[in-house]
Protein backbone atom coordinates (compact mmCIF):
# COMPACT_ATOMS: atom_id res chain seq x y z
CA UNK A 1 104.55 -4.63 85.74
CA UNK A 2 103.80 -6.22 89.10
CA UNK A 3 107.09 -5.02 90.65
CA UNK A 4 106.31 -1.45 89.65
CA UNK A 5 102.89 -1.63 91.27
CA UNK A 6 104.36 -3.10 94.48
CA UNK A 7 107.07 -0.48 94.68
CA UNK A 8 104.59 2.29 94.00
CA UNK A 9 102.43 1.01 96.85
CA UNK A 10 105.37 0.56 99.29
CA UNK A 11 107.01 3.93 98.55
CA UNK A 12 103.70 5.80 98.81
CA UNK A 13 103.25 4.35 102.28
CA UNK A 14 106.87 4.95 103.35
CA UNK A 15 107.82 8.37 101.91
CA UNK A 16 105.72 11.02 103.61
CA UNK A 17 108.23 13.78 104.21
CA UNK A 18 110.94 14.53 101.65
CA UNK A 19 111.01 13.66 97.96
CA UNK A 20 111.75 10.43 96.14
CA UNK A 21 111.91 10.14 92.34
CA UNK A 22 112.07 6.62 90.96
CA UNK A 23 112.95 5.57 87.38
CA UNK A 24 112.19 2.00 86.54
CA UNK A 25 114.16 -0.25 84.23
CA UNK A 26 111.62 0.52 81.48
CA UNK A 27 112.20 4.24 81.94
CA UNK A 28 108.87 4.91 83.65
CA UNK A 29 109.06 7.68 86.30
CA UNK A 30 107.30 7.87 89.72
CA UNK A 31 107.46 10.55 92.41
CA UNK A 32 106.71 10.20 96.11
CA UNK A 33 106.58 12.51 99.14
CA UNK A 34 105.71 16.13 99.84
CA UNK A 35 108.40 17.84 97.73
CA UNK A 36 110.56 18.79 100.72
CA UNK A 37 114.21 17.85 101.43
CA UNK A 38 115.95 15.50 101.30
CA UNK A 39 115.38 14.95 97.58
CA UNK A 40 116.56 11.57 96.29
CA UNK A 41 116.45 10.19 92.77
CA UNK A 42 116.94 6.45 92.20
CA UNK A 43 117.05 4.28 89.04
CA UNK A 44 116.78 0.54 88.60
CA UNK A 45 119.04 -1.00 85.91
CA UNK A 46 116.90 -4.16 85.39
CA UNK A 47 113.45 -5.42 86.11
CA UNK A 48 114.73 -8.31 88.23
CA UNK A 49 116.24 -5.79 90.67
CA UNK A 50 112.79 -4.24 91.17
CA UNK A 51 111.13 -7.55 92.04
CA UNK A 52 114.02 -8.55 94.26
CA UNK A 53 113.56 -5.36 96.33
CA UNK A 54 109.81 -6.07 96.61
CA UNK A 55 110.34 -9.66 97.83
CA UNK A 56 113.18 -9.06 100.33
CA UNK A 57 113.80 -5.31 100.95
CA UNK A 58 115.96 -5.76 104.06
CA UNK A 59 118.48 -7.86 102.17
CA UNK A 60 118.14 -6.62 98.61
CA UNK A 61 118.38 -2.85 99.23
CA UNK A 62 121.99 -3.23 100.30
CA UNK A 63 122.78 -5.81 97.69
CA UNK A 64 121.32 -3.85 94.80
CA UNK A 65 123.08 -0.67 95.86
CA UNK A 66 126.36 -2.50 96.32
CA UNK A 67 126.10 -4.23 92.93
CA UNK A 68 125.16 -1.00 91.08
CA UNK A 69 121.71 -2.26 90.11
CA UNK A 70 120.00 0.41 92.26
CA UNK A 71 121.65 3.63 91.26
CA UNK A 72 121.26 6.76 93.39
CA UNK A 73 121.40 9.62 90.92
CA UNK A 74 120.62 12.39 93.39
CA UNK A 75 121.34 12.29 97.10
CA UNK A 76 123.06 9.52 99.09
CA UNK A 77 122.20 6.09 100.41
CA UNK A 78 121.74 7.70 103.86
CA UNK A 79 119.22 10.18 102.36
CA UNK A 80 117.30 7.27 100.87
CA UNK A 81 117.25 5.45 104.17
CA UNK A 82 115.99 8.60 105.88
CA UNK A 83 113.07 8.82 103.47
CA UNK A 84 112.17 5.18 104.03
CA UNK A 85 112.61 5.07 107.84
CA UNK A 86 112.05 8.47 109.39
CA UNK A 87 108.26 8.15 109.46
CA UNK A 88 107.55 4.44 109.04
CA UNK A 89 110.13 2.73 111.32
CA UNK A 90 110.53 -0.11 108.80
CA UNK A 91 107.01 -0.27 107.43
CA UNK A 92 108.46 -0.80 103.97
CA UNK A 93 109.28 -4.34 105.06
CA UNK A 94 105.58 -5.25 105.36
CA UNK A 95 105.58 -6.78 101.91
CA UNK A 96 105.06 -10.38 100.68
CA UNK A 97 106.97 -13.13 102.48
CA UNK A 98 107.81 -10.90 105.47
CA UNK A 99 106.54 -13.34 108.10
CA UNK A 100 108.20 -16.29 106.38
CA UNK A 101 111.55 -14.43 106.38
CA UNK A 102 111.21 -13.61 110.06
CA UNK A 103 110.48 -17.23 111.00
CA UNK A 104 113.45 -18.41 108.94
CA UNK A 105 115.72 -15.85 110.60
CA UNK A 106 114.65 -17.00 114.08
CA UNK A 107 115.37 -20.61 113.13
CA UNK A 108 118.82 -19.78 111.78
CA UNK A 109 119.81 -17.84 114.91
CA UNK A 110 119.36 -20.92 117.08
CA UNK A 111 122.72 -22.18 115.93
CA UNK A 112 125.34 -21.48 118.65
CA UNK A 113 128.47 -19.48 117.89
CA UNK A 114 131.04 -22.00 119.10
CA UNK A 115 134.72 -21.07 119.32
CA UNK A 116 135.60 -22.07 115.72
CA UNK A 117 132.59 -20.29 114.26
CA UNK A 118 133.19 -17.20 116.36
CA UNK A 119 136.74 -16.95 115.12
CA UNK A 120 135.67 -17.25 111.46
CA UNK A 121 133.00 -14.58 112.02
CA UNK A 122 135.50 -12.22 113.61
CA UNK A 123 138.06 -12.73 110.87
CA UNK A 124 135.45 -11.92 108.21
CA UNK A 125 135.26 -8.32 109.42
CA UNK A 126 138.16 -7.49 111.70
CA UNK A 127 141.01 -9.06 109.70
CA UNK A 128 140.54 -6.75 106.79
CA UNK A 129 143.48 -4.57 105.78
CA UNK A 130 144.28 -2.43 108.84
CA UNK A 131 144.79 0.59 106.60
CA UNK A 132 141.04 0.58 105.90
CA UNK A 133 140.16 1.26 109.52
CA UNK A 134 142.80 3.95 109.78
CA UNK A 135 140.85 5.89 107.11
CA UNK A 136 137.88 6.56 109.37
CA UNK A 137 138.51 5.68 113.00
CA UNK A 138 140.08 7.96 115.60
CA UNK A 139 143.79 7.83 116.33
CA UNK A 140 143.26 5.15 119.05
CA UNK A 141 141.21 2.97 116.69
CA UNK A 142 138.16 2.84 118.99
CA UNK A 143 135.68 0.82 116.86
CA UNK A 144 132.66 1.27 119.11
CA UNK A 145 130.20 3.97 120.18
CA UNK A 146 131.82 7.17 121.35
CA UNK A 147 130.52 9.20 124.27
CA UNK A 148 129.62 12.79 123.36
CA UNK A 149 129.69 14.38 126.81
CA UNK A 150 129.35 17.95 125.43
CA UNK A 151 127.75 19.31 122.25
CA UNK A 152 130.97 20.48 120.59
CA UNK A 153 132.88 17.22 121.06
CA UNK A 154 134.71 15.87 118.05
CA UNK A 155 135.32 12.18 117.42
CA UNK A 156 138.73 12.13 119.16
CA UNK A 157 137.29 13.85 122.25
CA UNK A 158 134.22 11.66 122.32
CA UNK A 159 136.23 8.42 122.07
CA UNK A 160 138.48 9.60 124.91
CA UNK A 161 135.37 10.39 126.95
CA UNK A 162 134.02 6.90 126.24
CA UNK A 163 137.13 5.22 127.68
CA UNK A 164 137.03 7.61 130.69
CA UNK A 165 133.32 6.91 131.31
CA UNK A 166 133.79 3.12 131.17
CA UNK A 167 136.93 3.20 133.36
CA UNK A 168 135.05 5.32 135.95
CA UNK A 169 132.21 2.79 136.08
CA UNK A 170 134.71 -0.05 136.41
CA UNK A 171 136.27 1.70 139.40
CA UNK A 172 139.72 0.54 138.42
CA UNK A 173 142.28 1.27 141.12
CA UNK A 174 146.05 0.84 141.17
CA UNK A 175 147.06 -2.81 141.35
CA UNK A 176 143.76 -4.15 139.98
CA UNK A 177 143.83 -7.00 137.47
CA UNK A 178 141.61 -6.43 134.44
CA UNK A 179 140.30 -8.74 131.70
CA UNK A 180 139.30 -7.09 128.46
CA UNK A 181 137.02 -9.44 126.46
CA UNK A 182 137.17 -8.44 122.82
CA UNK A 183 140.13 -6.12 123.16
CA UNK A 184 140.20 -4.75 119.60
CA UNK A 185 143.30 -2.86 118.70
CA UNK A 186 144.23 -2.53 122.34
CA UNK A 187 143.16 1.04 123.12
CA UNK A 188 140.94 0.30 126.15
CA UNK A 189 143.48 -2.05 127.77
CA UNK A 190 146.29 0.42 127.31
CA UNK A 191 144.12 3.24 128.73
CA UNK A 192 143.27 1.21 131.83
CA UNK A 193 146.91 0.56 132.48
CA UNK A 194 148.16 4.10 131.77
CA UNK A 195 145.43 6.43 132.96
CA UNK A 196 143.59 4.24 135.48
CA UNK A 197 146.71 2.55 136.89
CA UNK A 198 145.61 -1.07 136.54
CA UNK A 199 148.27 -3.47 137.84
CA UNK A 200 147.76 -5.95 134.99
CA UNK A 201 145.53 -6.09 131.88
CA UNK A 202 144.84 -9.13 129.82
CA UNK A 203 143.15 -8.48 126.51
CA UNK A 204 141.64 -11.36 124.48
CA UNK A 205 140.61 -11.19 120.82
CA UNK A 206 139.85 -13.59 118.02
CA UNK A 207 141.34 -11.29 115.33
CA UNK A 208 144.94 -11.98 114.33
CA UNK A 209 145.16 -8.55 112.75
CA UNK A 210 144.07 -6.80 115.94
CA UNK A 211 146.29 -9.02 118.08
CA UNK A 212 149.41 -8.00 116.13
CA UNK A 213 148.60 -4.29 116.37
CA UNK A 214 147.75 -4.54 120.09
CA UNK A 215 150.98 -6.26 120.98
CA UNK A 216 153.00 -3.78 118.94
CA UNK A 217 151.25 -0.86 120.72
CA UNK A 218 151.89 -2.36 124.16
CA UNK A 219 155.55 -2.76 123.33
CA UNK A 220 155.77 0.78 122.01
CA UNK A 221 154.24 2.10 125.23
CA UNK A 222 156.69 0.14 127.37
CA UNK A 223 153.86 -1.79 128.98
CA UNK A 224 154.68 -5.42 128.15
CA UNK A 225 155.17 -6.12 131.84
CA UNK A 226 151.60 -5.09 132.64
CA UNK A 227 149.55 -5.46 129.47
CA UNK A 228 149.24 -8.77 127.59
CA UNK A 229 147.11 -9.60 124.56
CA UNK A 230 146.16 -13.12 123.61
CA UNK A 231 144.36 -14.82 120.69
CA UNK A 232 141.82 -16.51 122.90
CA UNK A 233 138.10 -17.25 123.21
CA UNK A 234 136.40 -16.14 126.43
CA UNK A 235 135.32 -19.73 127.05
CA UNK A 236 138.92 -20.84 127.19
CA UNK A 237 140.13 -18.04 129.50
CA UNK A 238 141.20 -18.93 133.05
CA UNK A 239 142.09 -17.01 136.18
CA UNK A 240 140.27 -14.52 138.41
CA UNK A 241 140.12 -10.76 137.77
CA UNK A 242 139.22 -7.70 139.84
CA UNK A 243 137.58 -6.08 136.82
CA UNK A 244 136.19 -7.30 133.53
CA UNK A 245 135.36 -4.99 130.61
CA UNK A 246 133.84 -5.91 127.29
CA UNK A 247 133.22 -3.22 124.65
CA UNK A 248 131.58 -3.91 121.31
CA UNK A 249 132.01 -7.66 121.55
CA UNK A 250 128.71 -8.96 122.95
CA UNK A 251 126.92 -8.21 119.68
CA UNK A 252 128.84 -11.16 118.19
CA UNK A 253 127.96 -13.72 120.89
CA UNK A 254 124.46 -14.73 119.75
CA UNK A 255 121.49 -15.63 121.93
CA UNK A 256 122.21 -19.34 122.23
CA UNK A 257 125.60 -18.51 123.75
CA UNK A 258 124.44 -15.92 126.27
CA UNK A 259 124.44 -18.48 129.14
CA UNK A 260 127.96 -19.58 128.35
CA UNK A 261 129.10 -15.97 128.12
CA UNK A 262 127.72 -14.74 131.43
CA UNK A 263 128.64 -17.94 133.26
CA UNK A 264 132.20 -17.53 132.04
CA UNK A 265 132.20 -13.93 133.19
CA UNK A 266 131.02 -14.91 136.68
CA UNK A 267 133.68 -17.58 136.95
CA UNK A 268 136.42 -15.12 135.90
CA UNK A 269 135.24 -12.26 138.17
CA UNK A 270 136.48 -12.10 141.72
CA UNK A 271 133.97 -12.13 144.58
CA UNK A 272 134.26 -8.33 145.04
CA UNK A 273 134.82 -7.62 141.35
CA UNK A 274 132.98 -5.33 138.91
CA UNK A 275 132.23 -5.83 135.23
CA UNK A 276 131.13 -3.31 132.59
CA UNK A 277 129.47 -4.60 129.45
CA UNK A 278 129.15 -2.09 126.59
CA UNK A 279 127.05 -3.44 123.73
CA UNK A 280 124.79 -2.39 120.89
CA UNK A 281 121.20 -3.43 121.53
CA UNK A 282 117.61 -2.60 120.71
CA UNK A 283 115.01 -0.73 122.70
CA UNK A 284 112.11 -2.54 121.09
CA UNK A 285 111.10 -6.20 121.00
CA UNK A 286 113.43 -9.08 119.95
CA UNK A 287 113.96 -9.08 116.24
CA UNK A 288 116.41 -10.77 113.81
CA UNK A 289 119.41 -8.69 112.78
CA UNK A 290 119.23 -7.06 109.37
CA UNK A 291 120.03 -9.90 106.89
CA UNK A 292 122.27 -7.75 104.67
CA UNK A 293 124.42 -6.81 107.69
CA UNK A 294 124.53 -10.47 108.82
CA UNK A 295 125.50 -11.76 105.34
CA UNK A 296 128.10 -9.18 104.33
CA UNK A 297 129.35 -7.32 107.44
CA UNK A 298 128.88 -9.12 110.73
CA UNK A 299 128.07 -12.86 110.28
CA UNK A 300 126.71 -14.45 113.47
CA UNK A 301 125.79 -11.16 115.04
CA UNK A 302 122.64 -10.26 116.99
CA UNK A 303 121.52 -7.04 118.64
CA UNK A 304 119.96 -7.96 121.98
CA UNK A 305 117.09 -6.45 123.89
CA UNK A 306 117.29 -6.36 127.65
CA UNK A 307 114.71 -9.11 127.97
CA UNK A 308 117.07 -11.49 126.11
CA UNK A 309 120.09 -10.56 128.23
CA UNK A 310 118.63 -10.48 131.69
CA UNK A 311 117.56 -14.15 132.08
CA UNK A 312 121.06 -15.29 131.23
CA UNK A 313 122.58 -12.77 133.66
CA UNK A 314 120.27 -13.99 136.40
CA UNK A 315 120.98 -17.64 135.69
CA UNK A 316 124.68 -16.97 135.92
CA UNK A 317 124.31 -15.53 139.40
CA UNK A 318 125.41 -12.01 138.45
CA UNK A 319 123.78 -8.86 139.84
CA UNK A 320 122.93 -5.84 137.67
CA UNK A 321 124.18 -2.80 139.60
CA UNK A 322 123.62 -0.14 136.93
CA UNK A 323 122.29 0.24 133.35
CA UNK A 324 122.81 3.30 131.19
CA UNK A 325 121.30 3.58 127.72
CA UNK A 326 123.22 5.67 125.16
CA UNK A 327 120.77 6.66 122.41
CA UNK A 328 121.99 8.99 119.68
CA UNK A 329 125.67 8.76 120.66
CA UNK A 330 126.29 6.01 118.09
CA UNK A 331 124.45 7.94 115.37
CA UNK A 332 126.91 10.80 115.91
CA UNK A 333 129.82 8.34 115.95
CA UNK A 334 128.75 6.69 112.68
CA UNK A 335 128.15 10.06 111.06
CA UNK A 336 131.78 10.95 111.81
CA UNK A 337 133.02 7.58 110.52
CA UNK A 338 130.92 7.82 107.32
CA UNK A 339 132.13 11.32 106.55
CA UNK A 340 135.75 10.33 107.18
CA UNK A 341 135.41 7.26 104.98
CA UNK A 342 133.91 9.22 102.14
CA UNK A 343 136.63 11.87 102.46
CA UNK A 344 139.19 9.04 102.01
CA UNK A 345 137.19 7.02 99.49
CA UNK A 346 139.92 7.16 96.88
CA UNK A 347 142.35 5.58 99.30
CA UNK A 348 139.86 2.85 100.13
CA UNK A 349 139.40 2.30 96.40
CA UNK A 350 143.12 1.68 96.05
CA UNK A 351 142.97 -0.91 98.86
CA UNK A 352 139.88 -2.77 97.48
CA UNK A 353 137.53 -1.87 94.62
CA UNK A 354 134.43 0.11 93.74
CA UNK A 355 131.99 -2.57 94.85
CA UNK A 356 133.65 -2.77 98.26
CA UNK A 357 133.52 1.00 98.68
CA UNK A 358 129.78 1.04 97.88
CA UNK A 359 129.28 -1.85 100.35
CA UNK A 360 131.18 -0.02 103.08
CA UNK A 361 129.30 3.23 102.50
CA UNK A 362 126.04 1.27 102.69
CA UNK A 363 127.10 -0.43 105.91
CA UNK A 364 127.95 2.84 107.64
CA UNK A 365 124.79 4.51 106.38
CA UNK A 366 122.54 1.57 107.38
CA UNK A 367 124.12 1.52 110.83
CA UNK A 368 123.66 5.28 111.34
CA UNK A 369 120.06 5.07 110.18
CA UNK A 370 119.36 2.31 112.72
CA UNK A 371 120.35 4.65 115.54
CA UNK A 372 118.70 7.75 114.12
CA UNK A 373 115.34 6.39 112.94
CA UNK A 374 114.99 2.89 114.32
CA UNK A 375 115.35 1.30 117.75
CA UNK A 376 119.16 0.65 117.94
CA UNK A 377 120.79 1.90 121.15
CA UNK A 378 123.89 1.10 123.27
CA UNK A 379 123.58 -0.51 126.68
CA UNK A 380 126.22 -0.10 129.35
CA UNK A 381 125.44 -2.75 131.93
CA UNK A 382 127.41 -2.80 135.17
CA UNK A 383 127.53 -6.24 136.85
CA UNK A 384 128.86 -7.68 140.07
CA UNK A 385 128.71 -10.85 142.17
CA UNK A 386 127.68 -8.93 145.30
CA UNK A 387 125.38 -5.96 145.79
CA UNK A 388 127.71 -4.04 148.08
CA UNK A 389 130.75 -3.48 145.85
CA UNK A 390 129.42 -0.41 144.02
CA UNK A 391 128.64 2.93 145.75
CA UNK A 392 124.99 3.58 146.58
CA UNK A 393 124.72 6.67 144.36
CA UNK A 394 126.17 7.48 140.94
CA UNK A 395 128.21 10.50 142.07
CA UNK A 396 131.37 8.36 142.03
CA UNK A 397 131.27 8.23 138.22
CA UNK A 398 131.78 11.98 137.76
CA UNK A 399 134.40 12.07 140.51
CA UNK A 400 136.40 9.28 138.92
CA UNK A 401 136.04 10.82 135.46
CA UNK A 402 137.60 14.02 136.78
CA UNK A 403 140.51 12.11 138.28
CA UNK A 404 141.03 10.16 135.05
CA UNK A 405 141.00 13.38 133.02
CA UNK A 406 143.79 14.73 135.21
CA UNK A 407 145.76 11.53 134.57
CA UNK A 408 145.18 11.85 130.81
CA UNK A 409 146.40 15.45 130.86
CA UNK A 410 149.50 14.42 132.81
CA UNK A 411 150.26 11.64 130.29
CA UNK A 412 149.82 14.08 127.40
CA UNK A 413 152.28 16.51 128.97
CA UNK A 414 154.77 13.71 129.54
CA UNK A 415 154.54 12.63 125.90
CA UNK A 416 155.04 16.14 124.63
CA UNK A 417 158.02 16.87 126.87
């Protein structure tokens, strides 16, 4: 069969280290690799699934696994992704119709994420049952890359370090007003008020589920006088703020809206203000987002490279004062999330169904593989309107982190008293 010949060719090129056994729908067996670990065995349930993977591997690998038409009989979906990506960096995708798919993807991404579309896209992912996220996130529900500042850090410690690292770069002082664009479940905004001493924090989100939780948390912390959360698009936000923070939101903006995003940020930032943008990106050249992730997980999303972001930043009149690139930090974060999700899979199954659980495992594995074996990274871009508002050297970051850690410890003592 043609599909078997194409898969044989593709897997022989891709699998160099490790072992892959493939059983076709007709029962024919193929083996690839050097016999080492990881050892993965897969089986196709129908011939159409084989051809689908040949024609559109980026989309169909996730679909076929989710639908149970590509069965992993030994190993995991992450093991399979490791075999395919660790040596080839996506070479498996160099199959028929690859260029046509790439052109189509570039055409589709030209559509701007206006306010209505952005809200629908956010609801698709973030308005799922909140109990699902509680199964695998840390206690503060930080749904973005953690910061592993020492080798033995666990997820809770690394997420606390992430908030501390961002707050230090923001240079939040007592009395400062802060805007949190894409405020999630409120953890960052509450931290900036409690540990950093911000005078006021406004968090904006397009998720009704997250808004409800955020407001409830602010009330429970006795911070309703200083921390406010609104269901609002950044383009509709008014006022001027000493500090702006945006964590894990920019991935959803889309290239056609970059000018609107950065121009809005400049308008909202005070003359002597500082902004910290924390976003997933790519270290390679511009490339369309994985179509399976776009279709099933994050519609409207795009992972930027710096060359896509910088022209819009420059046109907006903002100054880049610092850039830090976090590389494997998100791989470690996603590993922790994936392991937690699998440990609570039965609970997820009671919330949704088997197909959803396979889809979610695939999403977490695909994301982890992108940071381990492909070019996904996290950018932390510090921005200002003037070039004299940030210290000349980076020593202030460690100094402020130490002060923030002391404030965290004091808060913890107060809660336990």
